[in-house]
């Protein structure tokens, strides 16, 4: 059920859709890497680094099937009315201002609140460190927000998956199983090559594809394109420019 695995998720499309699936990012995530209005609508998300979303409204988590978001670092949701779906576990500090929180958040660190967060009626923020809010400066502040922030001695922990990225098999393994060395992305195609790039002139709607780059990168580029399947570049990167 691993949907995306890699050290960076750089996303410029409309939405990433992974109902019931998992994303594992072995590095940081910030708004420089995402379309500012996009949603990463994936049930479970692991990020082995810091998360800083401070522009636009890019959402995290699946509204249809929320799961959990695990962040092995600090979380900053300051500028932008983005939706956060699923329970969130933060092994660091949490800064919250404009985001909309739909489920519980567990923070093993300090909590800093800005003026305009929205927290669902049945959601809570549990934290182990210190809390800072506009109340500290004598400003007016919604007491309902503070009431949903609960200090605890401990919060639940988590372990980041350590899957590693396997190498490719010998070339003959792919040949005997119907892989070809290039060409168009069509339904059910299986491609194995040193690297692969595809920019069609017409529509791109391909289902159940497999593209494997032995030593290089994979690049799929077609605005309006929809693709399902597997992209695997163990020694390079995958770039997808399209709708979903």
C-alpha atoms as a PDB file:
ATOM      1  CA  UNK A   1       0.000   0.000   0.000  1.00  0.00           C
ATOM      2  CA  UNK A   2       2.971   2.353  -0.315  1.00  0.00           C
ATOM      3  CA  UNK A   3       1.839   4.961  -2.823  1.00  0.00           C
ATOM      4  CA  UNK A   4       4.876   7.284  -2.922  1.00  0.00           C
ATOM      5  CA  UNK A   5       8.312   6.548  -1.429  1.00  0.00           C
ATOM      6  CA  UNK A   6      11.272   8.876  -1.797  1.00  0.00           C
ATOM      7  CA  UNK A   7      13.322  11.630  -0.212  1.00  0.00           C
ATOM      8  CA  UNK A   8      11.333  14.517  -1.740  1.00  0.00           C
ATOM      9  CA  UNK A   9       7.763  14.967  -2.971  1.00  0.00           C
ATOM     10  CA  UNK A  10       7.712  17.865  -5.439  1.00  0.00           C
ATOM     11  CA  UNK A  11       4.182  18.270  -6.711  1.00  0.00           C
ATOM     12  CA  UNK A  12       2.835  20.699  -9.302  1.00  0.00           C
ATOM     13  CA  UNK A  13      -0.436  19.096 -10.342  1.00  0.00           C
ATOM     14  CA  UNK A  14      -4.013  19.477  -9.185  1.00  0.00           C
ATOM     15  CA  UNK A  15      -4.270  16.674  -6.625  1.00  0.00           C
ATOM     16  CA  UNK A  16      -2.442  13.589  -5.401  1.00  0.00           C
ATOM     17  CA  UNK A  17      -5.104  10.924  -4.804  1.00  0.00           C
ATOM     18  CA  UNK A  18      -4.263   7.877  -2.667  1.00  0.00           C
ATOM     19  CA  UNK A  19      -7.423   6.604  -0.972  1.00  0.00           C
ATOM     20  CA  UNK A  20      -6.335   4.002   1.578  1.00  0.00           C
ATOM     21  CA  UNK A  21      -2.689   4.350   0.520  1.00  0.00           C
ATOM     22  CA  UNK A  22       0.528   5.596   2.114  1.00  0.00           C
ATOM     23  CA  UNK A  23       3.140   8.217   1.261  1.00  0.00           C
ATOM     24  CA  UNK A  24       6.602   7.970   2.840  1.00  0.00           C
ATOM     25  CA  UNK A  25       8.929  10.959   2.425  1.00  0.00           C
ATOM     26  CA  UNK A  26      12.415  10.553   3.860  1.00  0.00           C
ATOM     27  CA  UNK A  27      13.059  14.304   3.980  1.00  0.00           C
ATOM     28  CA  UNK A  28      11.309  17.638   4.494  1.00  0.00           C
ATOM     29  CA  UNK A  29       8.042  18.883   2.965  1.00  0.00           C
ATOM     30  CA  UNK A  30       7.394  22.565   2.328  1.00  0.00           C
ATOM     31  CA  UNK A  31       5.265  24.775   0.109  1.00  0.00           C
ATOM     32  CA  UNK A  32       8.120  25.229  -2.344  1.00  0.00           C
ATOM     33  CA  UNK A  33       7.544  21.563  -3.284  1.00  0.00           C
ATOM     34  CA  UNK A  34       3.764  21.688  -3.838  1.00  0.00           C
ATOM     35  CA  UNK A  35       1.182  23.374  -5.990  1.00  0.00           C
ATOM     36  CA  UNK A  36      -0.133  25.993  -3.563  1.00  0.00           C
ATOM     37  CA  UNK A  37      -3.788  25.043  -4.107  1.00  0.00           C
ATOM     38  CA  UNK A  38      -3.317  21.295  -4.348  1.00  0.00           C
ATOM     39  CA  UNK A  39      -4.277  18.537  -1.958  1.00  0.00           C
ATOM     40  CA  UNK A  40      -2.183  15.529  -1.010  1.00  0.00           C
ATOM     41  CA  UNK A  41      -5.295  13.425  -0.444  1.00  0.00           C
ATOM     42  CA  UNK A  42      -3.606  10.301   0.890  1.00  0.00           C
ATOM     43  CA  UNK A  43      -4.800   8.278   3.882  1.00  0.00           C
ATOM     44  CA  UNK A  44      -1.453   7.794   5.672  1.00  0.00           C
ATOM     45  CA  UNK A  45       1.553  10.104   5.392  1.00  0.00           C
ATOM     46  CA  UNK A  46       5.019   9.638   6.927  1.00  0.00           C
ATOM     47  CA  UNK A  47       7.500  12.531   6.737  1.00  0.00           C
ATOM     48  CA  UNK A  48      10.979  11.955   8.179  1.00  0.00           C
ATOM     49  CA  UNK A  49      11.760  15.655   8.532  1.00  0.00           C
ATOM     50  CA  UNK A  50      10.181  19.061   9.024  1.00  0.00           C
ATOM     51  CA  UNK A  51       6.903  20.200   7.437  1.00  0.00           C
ATOM     52  CA  UNK A  52       6.452  23.898   6.662  1.00  0.00           C
ATOM     53  CA  UNK A  53       3.332  24.935   4.726  1.00  0.00           C
ATOM     54  CA  UNK A  54       3.118  28.718   4.682  1.00  0.00           C
ATOM     55  CA  UNK A  55       1.551  29.739   1.366  1.00  0.00           C
ATOM     56  CA  UNK A  56      -1.575  28.828  -0.544  1.00  0.00           C
ATOM     57  CA  UNK A  57      -4.030  26.263   0.750  1.00  0.00           C
ATOM     58  CA  UNK A  58      -2.439  22.902  -0.059  1.00  0.00           C
ATOM     59  CA  UNK A  59      -4.207  20.282   2.096  1.00  0.00           C
ATOM     60  CA  UNK A  60      -2.839  17.160   3.768  1.00  0.00           C
ATOM     61  CA  UNK A  61      -4.640  13.874   4.331  1.00  0.00           C
ATOM     62  CA  UNK A  62      -7.712  12.208   2.860  1.00  0.00           C
ATOM     63  CA  UNK A  63     -11.128  13.696   3.633  1.00  0.00           C
ATOM     64  CA  UNK A  64     -12.836  10.553   2.307  1.00  0.00           C
ATOM     65  CA  UNK A  65     -10.685   8.104   4.294  1.00  0.00           C
ATOM     66  CA  UNK A  66      -8.575   9.907   6.919  1.00  0.00           C
ATOM     67  CA  UNK A  67      -5.789   7.942   8.570  1.00  0.00           C
ATOM     68  CA  UNK A  68      -2.684   9.332  10.250  1.00  0.00           C
ATOM     69  CA  UNK A  69       0.095  11.798   9.480  1.00  0.00           C
ATOM     70  CA  UNK A  70       3.475  11.171  11.145  1.00  0.00           C
ATOM     71  CA  UNK A  71       6.055  13.974  11.194  1.00  0.00           C
ATOM     72  CA  UNK A  72       9.536  13.276  12.555  1.00  0.00           C
ATOM     73  CA  UNK A  73      10.353  16.948  13.081  1.00  0.00           C
ATOM     74  CA  UNK A  74       8.623  20.305  13.455  1.00  0.00           C
ATOM     75  CA  UNK A  75       5.241  21.163  11.893  1.00  0.00           C
ATOM     76  CA  UNK A  76       4.376  24.701  10.776  1.00  0.00           C
ATOM     77  CA  UNK A  77       0.925  25.522   9.384  1.00  0.00           C
ATOM     78  CA  UNK A  78       0.983  29.302   9.571  1.00  0.00           C
ATOM     79  CA  UNK A  79      -0.321  31.046   6.441  1.00  0.00           C
ATOM     80  CA  UNK A  80      -3.112  29.497   4.373  1.00  0.00           C
ATOM     81  CA  UNK A  81      -6.535  28.025   5.244  1.00  0.00           C
ATOM     82  CA  UNK A  82      -5.561  24.461   4.405  1.00  0.00           C
ATOM     83  CA  UNK A  83      -7.448  21.387   5.654  1.00  0.00           C
ATOM     84  CA  UNK A  84      -5.624  18.725   7.660  1.00  0.00           C
ATOM     85  CA  UNK A  85      -7.364  15.339   7.736  1.00  0.00           C
ATOM     86  CA  UNK A  86      -6.377  12.429   9.979  1.00  0.00           C
ATOM     87  CA  UNK A  87      -4.692  12.210  13.364  1.00  0.00           C
ATOM     88  CA  UNK A  88      -1.323  13.987  13.319  1.00  0.00           C
ATOM     89  CA  UNK A  89       1.732  12.920  15.361  1.00  0.00           C
ATOM     90  CA  UNK A  90       4.532  15.506  15.625  1.00  0.00           C
ATOM     91  CA  UNK A  91       7.911  14.642  17.140  1.00  0.00           C
ATOM     92  CA  UNK A  92       8.835  18.308  17.544  1.00  0.00           C
ATOM     93  CA  UNK A  93       7.201  21.734  17.850  1.00  0.00           C
ATOM     94  CA  UNK A  94       3.915  22.813  16.230  1.00  0.00           C
ATOM     95  CA  UNK A  95       3.014  26.308  14.954  1.00  0.00           C
ATOM     96  CA  UNK A  96      -0.634  26.774  13.929  1.00  0.00           C
ATOM     97  CA  UNK A  97      -2.406  29.862  12.616  1.00  0.00           C
ATOM     98  CA  UNK A  98      -4.734  29.583   9.597  1.00  0.00           C
ATOM     99  CA  UNK A  99      -5.182  25.836   9.051  1.00  0.00           C
ATOM    100  CA  UNK A 100      -8.379  23.857   9.603  1.00  0.00           C
ATOM    101  CA  UNK A 101      -7.818  20.872  11.910  1.00  0.00           C
ATOM    102  CA  UNK A 102     -10.309  18.023  11.521  1.00  0.00           C
ATOM    103  CA  UNK A 103      -8.815  15.376  13.837  1.00  0.00           C
ATOM    104  CA  UNK A 104      -6.537  15.091  16.866  1.00  0.00           C
ATOM    105  CA  UNK A 105      -2.938  16.316  16.885  1.00  0.00           C
ATOM    106  CA  UNK A 106      -0.292  14.954  19.273  1.00  0.00           C
ATOM    107  CA  UNK A 107       2.761  17.210  19.742  1.00  0.00           C
ATOM    108  CA  UNK A 108       5.857  16.064  21.614  1.00  0.00           C
ATOM    109  CA  UNK A 109       7.066  19.649  21.985  1.00  0.00           C
ATOM    110  CA  UNK A 110       5.880  23.253  22.158  1.00  0.00           C
ATOM    111  CA  UNK A 111       2.620  24.596  20.714  1.00  0.00           C
ATOM    112  CA  UNK A 112       2.374  28.108  19.220  1.00  0.00           C
ATOM    113  CA  UNK A 113      -1.035  29.454  18.182  1.00  0.00           C
ATOM    114  CA  UNK A 114      -1.829  32.331  15.845  1.00  0.00           C
ATOM    115  CA  UNK A 115      -5.055  34.264  15.486  1.00  0.00           C
ATOM    116  CA  UNK A 116      -7.262  32.279  13.156  1.00  0.00           C
ATOM    117  CA  UNK A 117      -7.053  28.468  13.381  1.00  0.00           C
ATOM    118  CA  UNK A 118     -10.187  26.335  13.118  1.00  0.00           C
ATOM    119  CA  UNK A 119     -10.395  23.155  15.190  1.00  0.00           C
ATOM    120  CA  UNK A 120     -13.309  20.743  14.735  1.00  0.00           C
ATOM    121  CA  UNK A 121     -15.683  20.294  17.664  1.00  0.00           C
ATOM    122  CA  UNK A 122     -14.432  16.796  18.483  1.00  0.00           C
ATOM    123  CA  UNK A 123     -10.746  17.451  17.693  1.00  0.00           C
ATOM    124  CA  UNK A 124      -8.055  18.236  20.252  1.00  0.00           C
ATOM    125  CA  UNK A 125      -4.389  19.226  20.285  1.00  0.00           C
ATOM    126  CA  UNK A 126      -2.339  17.394  22.928  1.00  0.00           C
ATOM    127  CA  UNK A 127       1.148  18.767  23.647  1.00  0.00           C
ATOM    128  CA  UNK A 128       3.972  18.107  26.112  1.00  0.00           C
ATOM    129  CA  UNK A 129       5.862  21.423  26.061  1.00  0.00           C
ATOM    130  CA  UNK A 130       4.852  25.052  26.450  1.00  0.00           C
ATOM    131  CA  UNK A 131       1.931  26.869  24.805  1.00  0.00           C
ATOM    132  CA  UNK A 132       2.115  30.376  23.324  1.00  0.00           C
ATOM    133  CA  UNK A 133      -0.910  32.297  22.007  1.00  0.00           C
ATOM    134  CA  UNK A 134      -2.107  35.893  21.453  1.00  0.00           C
ATOM    135  CA  UNK A 135      -3.529  35.730  24.987  1.00  0.00           C
ATOM    136  CA  UNK A 136       0.027  36.081  26.287  1.00  0.00           C
ATOM    137  CA  UNK A 137       0.198  39.649  24.952  1.00  0.00           C
ATOM    138  CA  UNK A 138      -3.207  40.589  26.348  1.00  0.00           C
ATOM    139  CA  UNK A 139      -4.958  40.349  22.983  1.00  0.00           C
ATOM    140  CA  UNK A 140      -8.471  38.987  22.686  1.00  0.00           C
ATOM    141  CA  UNK A 141      -8.582  35.354  21.675  1.00  0.00           C
ATOM    142  CA  UNK A 142     -11.228  32.685  21.234  1.00  0.00           C
ATOM    143  CA  UNK A 143     -11.283  30.722  24.522  1.00  0.00           C
ATOM    144  CA  UNK A 144     -12.737  27.764  22.649  1.00  0.00           C
ATOM    145  CA  UNK A 145      -9.410  27.281  20.855  1.00  0.00           C
ATOM    146  CA  UNK A 146      -7.434  27.246  24.101  1.00  0.00           C
ATOM    147  CA  UNK A 147      -9.934  24.793  25.606  1.00  0.00           C
ATOM    148  CA  UNK A 148      -9.155  22.318  22.834  1.00  0.00           C
ATOM    149  CA  UNK A 149      -5.394  22.437  23.562  1.00  0.00           C
ATOM    150  CA  UNK A 150      -4.552  20.029  26.366  1.00  0.00           C
ATOM    151  CA  UNK A 151      -1.185  19.659  28.071  1.00  0.00           C
ATOM    152  CA  UNK A 152      -0.055  16.109  28.815  1.00  0.00           C
ATOM    153  CA  UNK A 153       3.100  14.598  30.258  1.00  0.00           C
ATOM    154  CA  UNK A 154       3.454  12.291  27.261  1.00  0.00           C
ATOM    155  CA  UNK A 155       1.841  11.745  23.883  1.00  0.00           C
ATOM    156  CA  UNK A 156       1.822   8.618  21.704  1.00  0.00           C
ATOM    157  CA  UNK A 157       5.030   8.024  19.775  1.00  0.00           C
ATOM    158  CA  UNK A 158       5.644   6.357  16.422  1.00  0.00           C
ATOM    159  CA  UNK A 159       8.353   4.680  14.354  1.00  0.00           C
ATOM    160  CA  UNK A 160       9.237   5.776  10.847  1.00  0.00           C
ATOM    161  CA  UNK A 161       9.167   2.928   8.298  1.00  0.00           C
ATOM    162  CA  UNK A 162      12.605   1.989   7.009  1.00  0.00           C
ATOM    163  CA  UNK A 163      11.801   0.190   3.777  1.00  0.00           C
ATOM    164  CA  UNK A 164      14.817   1.081   1.686  1.00  0.00           C
ATOM    165  CA  UNK A 165      14.631   1.167  -2.107  1.00  0.00           C
ATOM    166  CA  UNK A 166      15.378  -2.139  -3.853  1.00  0.00           C
ATOM    167  CA  UNK A 167      17.556  -2.375  -6.935  1.00  0.00           C
ATOM    168  CA  UNK A 168      16.266  -3.462 -10.322  1.00  0.00           C
ATOM    169  CA  UNK A 169      16.535  -7.055 -11.522  1.00  0.00           C
ATOM    170  CA  UNK A 170      18.598  -8.388 -14.425  1.00  0.00           C
ATOM    171  CA  UNK A 171      17.465  -7.181 -17.856  1.00  0.00           C
ATOM    172  CA  UNK A 172      16.286 -10.623 -18.986  1.00  0.00           C
ATOM    173  CA  UNK A 173      13.788 -10.762 -16.115  1.00  0.00           C
ATOM    174  CA  UNK A 174      11.865  -7.861 -17.650  1.00  0.00           C
ATOM    175  CA  UNK A 175      12.160  -9.042 -21.252  1.00  0.00           C
ATOM    176  CA  UNK A 176      10.618 -12.417 -20.495  1.00  0.00           C
ATOM    177  CA  UNK A 177       7.707 -10.717 -18.733  1.00  0.00           C
ATOM    178  CA  UNK A 178       6.649  -8.507 -21.609  1.00  0.00           C
ATOM    179  CA  UNK A 179       8.426  -5.246 -20.811  1.00  0.00           C
ATOM    180  CA  UNK A 180       9.375  -3.017 -23.736  1.00  0.00           C
ATOM    181  CA  UNK A 181      12.164  -0.429 -23.925  1.00  0.00           C
ATOM    182  CA  UNK A 182      10.084   2.684 -24.647  1.00  0.00           C
ATOM    183  CA  UNK A 183       7.113   4.135 -26.469  1.00  0.00           C
ATOM    184  CA  UNK A 184       3.789   5.665 -25.533  1.00  0.00           C
ATOM    185  CA  UNK A 185       1.975   5.276 -22.240  1.00  0.00           C
ATOM    186  CA  UNK A 186      -1.070   3.144 -23.010  1.00  0.00           C
ATOM    187  CA  UNK A 187      -3.293   1.015 -20.803  1.00  0.00           C
ATOM    188  CA  UNK A 188      -1.364  -1.892 -19.313  1.00  0.00           C
ATOM    189  CA  UNK A 189       2.009  -1.038 -20.874  1.00  0.00           C
ATOM    190  CA  UNK A 190       5.186  -2.197 -19.101  1.00  0.00           C
ATOM    191  CA  UNK A 191       8.367  -0.254 -19.845  1.00  0.00           C
ATOM    192  CA  UNK A 192      11.924  -0.978 -18.688  1.00  0.00           C
ATOM    193  CA  UNK A 193      14.698   1.387 -19.842  1.00  0.00           C
ATOM    194  CA  UNK A 194      17.742   3.261 -18.571  1.00  0.00           C
ATOM    195  CA  UNK A 195      15.504   6.353 -18.348  1.00  0.00           C
ATOM    196  CA  UNK A 196      12.101   7.333 -19.698  1.00  0.00           C
ATOM    197  CA  UNK A 197      10.501  10.608 -20.786  1.00  0.00           C
ATOM    198  CA  UNK A 198       7.060  11.035 -22.338  1.00  0.00           C
ATOM    199  CA  UNK A 199       5.325  14.228 -23.463  1.00  0.00           C
ATOM    200  CA  UNK A 200       2.371  13.325 -25.695  1.00  0.00           C
ATOM    201  CA  UNK A 201       0.853  15.831 -28.119  1.00  0.00           C
ATOM    202  CA  UNK A 202      -2.685  14.622 -27.397  1.00  0.00           C
ATOM    203  CA  UNK A 203      -4.619  13.449 -24.356  1.00  0.00           C
ATOM    204  CA  UNK A 204      -2.962  11.253 -21.765  1.00  0.00           C
ATOM    205  CA  UNK A 205      -5.229   8.798 -19.948  1.00  0.00           C
ATOM    206  CA  UNK A 206      -3.401   5.572 -19.134  1.00  0.00           C
ATOM    207  CA  UNK A 207      -4.324   2.911 -16.582  1.00  0.00           C
ATOM    208  CA  UNK A 208      -2.256   0.203 -14.868  1.00  0.00           C
ATOM    209  CA  UNK A 209       1.108   1.192 -16.365  1.00  0.00           C
ATOM    210  CA  UNK A 210       4.522   0.159 -15.064  1.00  0.00           C
ATOM    211  CA  UNK A 211       7.563   2.293 -15.891  1.00  0.00           C
ATOM    212  CA  UNK A 212      10.982   1.336 -14.502  1.00  0.00           C
ATOM    213  CA  UNK A 213      14.105   3.447 -15.036  1.00  0.00           C
ATOM    214  CA  UNK A 214      17.192   1.323 -14.447  1.00  0.00           C
ATOM    215  CA  UNK A 215      19.739   4.103 -13.874  1.00  0.00           C
ATOM    216  CA  UNK A 216      18.085   7.435 -14.668  1.00  0.00           C
ATOM    217  CA  UNK A 217      14.905   9.469 -14.284  1.00  0.00           C
ATOM    218  CA  UNK A 218      11.257   9.182 -15.270  1.00  0.00           C
ATOM    219  CA  UNK A 219       9.426  12.248 -16.586  1.00  0.00           C
ATOM    220  CA  UNK A 220       5.755  12.288 -17.579  1.00  0.00           C
ATOM    221  CA  UNK A 221       4.458  15.646 -18.773  1.00  0.00           C
ATOM    222  CA  UNK A 222       0.971  16.385 -20.051  1.00  0.00           C
ATOM    223  CA  UNK A 223      -1.349  18.974 -18.522  1.00  0.00           C
ATOM    224  CA  UNK A 224      -4.740  17.337 -18.144  1.00  0.00           C
ATOM    225  CA  UNK A 225      -3.192  13.879 -17.945  1.00  0.00           C
ATOM    226  CA  UNK A 226      -4.451  11.097 -15.655  1.00  0.00           C
ATOM    227  CA  UNK A 227      -2.285   8.037 -14.979  1.00  0.00           C
ATOM    228  CA  UNK A 228      -2.542   5.033 -12.660  1.00  0.00           C
ATOM    229  CA  UNK A 229       0.186   2.467 -12.097  1.00  0.00           C
ATOM    230  CA  UNK A 230       3.780   2.330 -10.870  1.00  0.00           C
ATOM    231  CA  UNK A 231       6.785   4.581 -11.549  1.00  0.00           C
ATOM    232  CA  UNK A 232      10.067   3.190 -10.188  1.00  0.00           C
ATOM    233  CA  UNK A 233      13.398   5.057 -10.466  1.00  0.00           C
ATOM    234  CA  UNK A 234      15.676   3.639  -7.755  1.00  0.00           C
ATOM    235  CA  UNK A 235      18.686   5.745  -8.801  1.00  0.00           C
ATOM    236  CA  UNK A 236      16.890   8.820 -10.101  1.00  0.00           C
ATOM    237  CA  UNK A 237      13.728  10.843  -9.635  1.00  0.00           C
ATOM    238  CA  UNK A 238      10.161  10.725 -10.906  1.00  0.00           C
ATOM    239  CA  UNK A 239       8.585  13.875 -12.331  1.00  0.00           C
ATOM    240  CA  UNK A 240       4.865  13.893 -13.138  1.00  0.00           C
ATOM    241  CA  UNK A 241       3.226  17.009 -14.565  1.00  0.00           C
ATOM    242  CA  UNK A 242      -0.493  16.473 -15.057  1.00  0.00           C
ATOM    243  CA  UNK A 243      -3.821  16.370 -13.269  1.00  0.00           C
ATOM    244  CA  UNK A 244      -3.634  13.141 -11.284  1.00  0.00           C
END
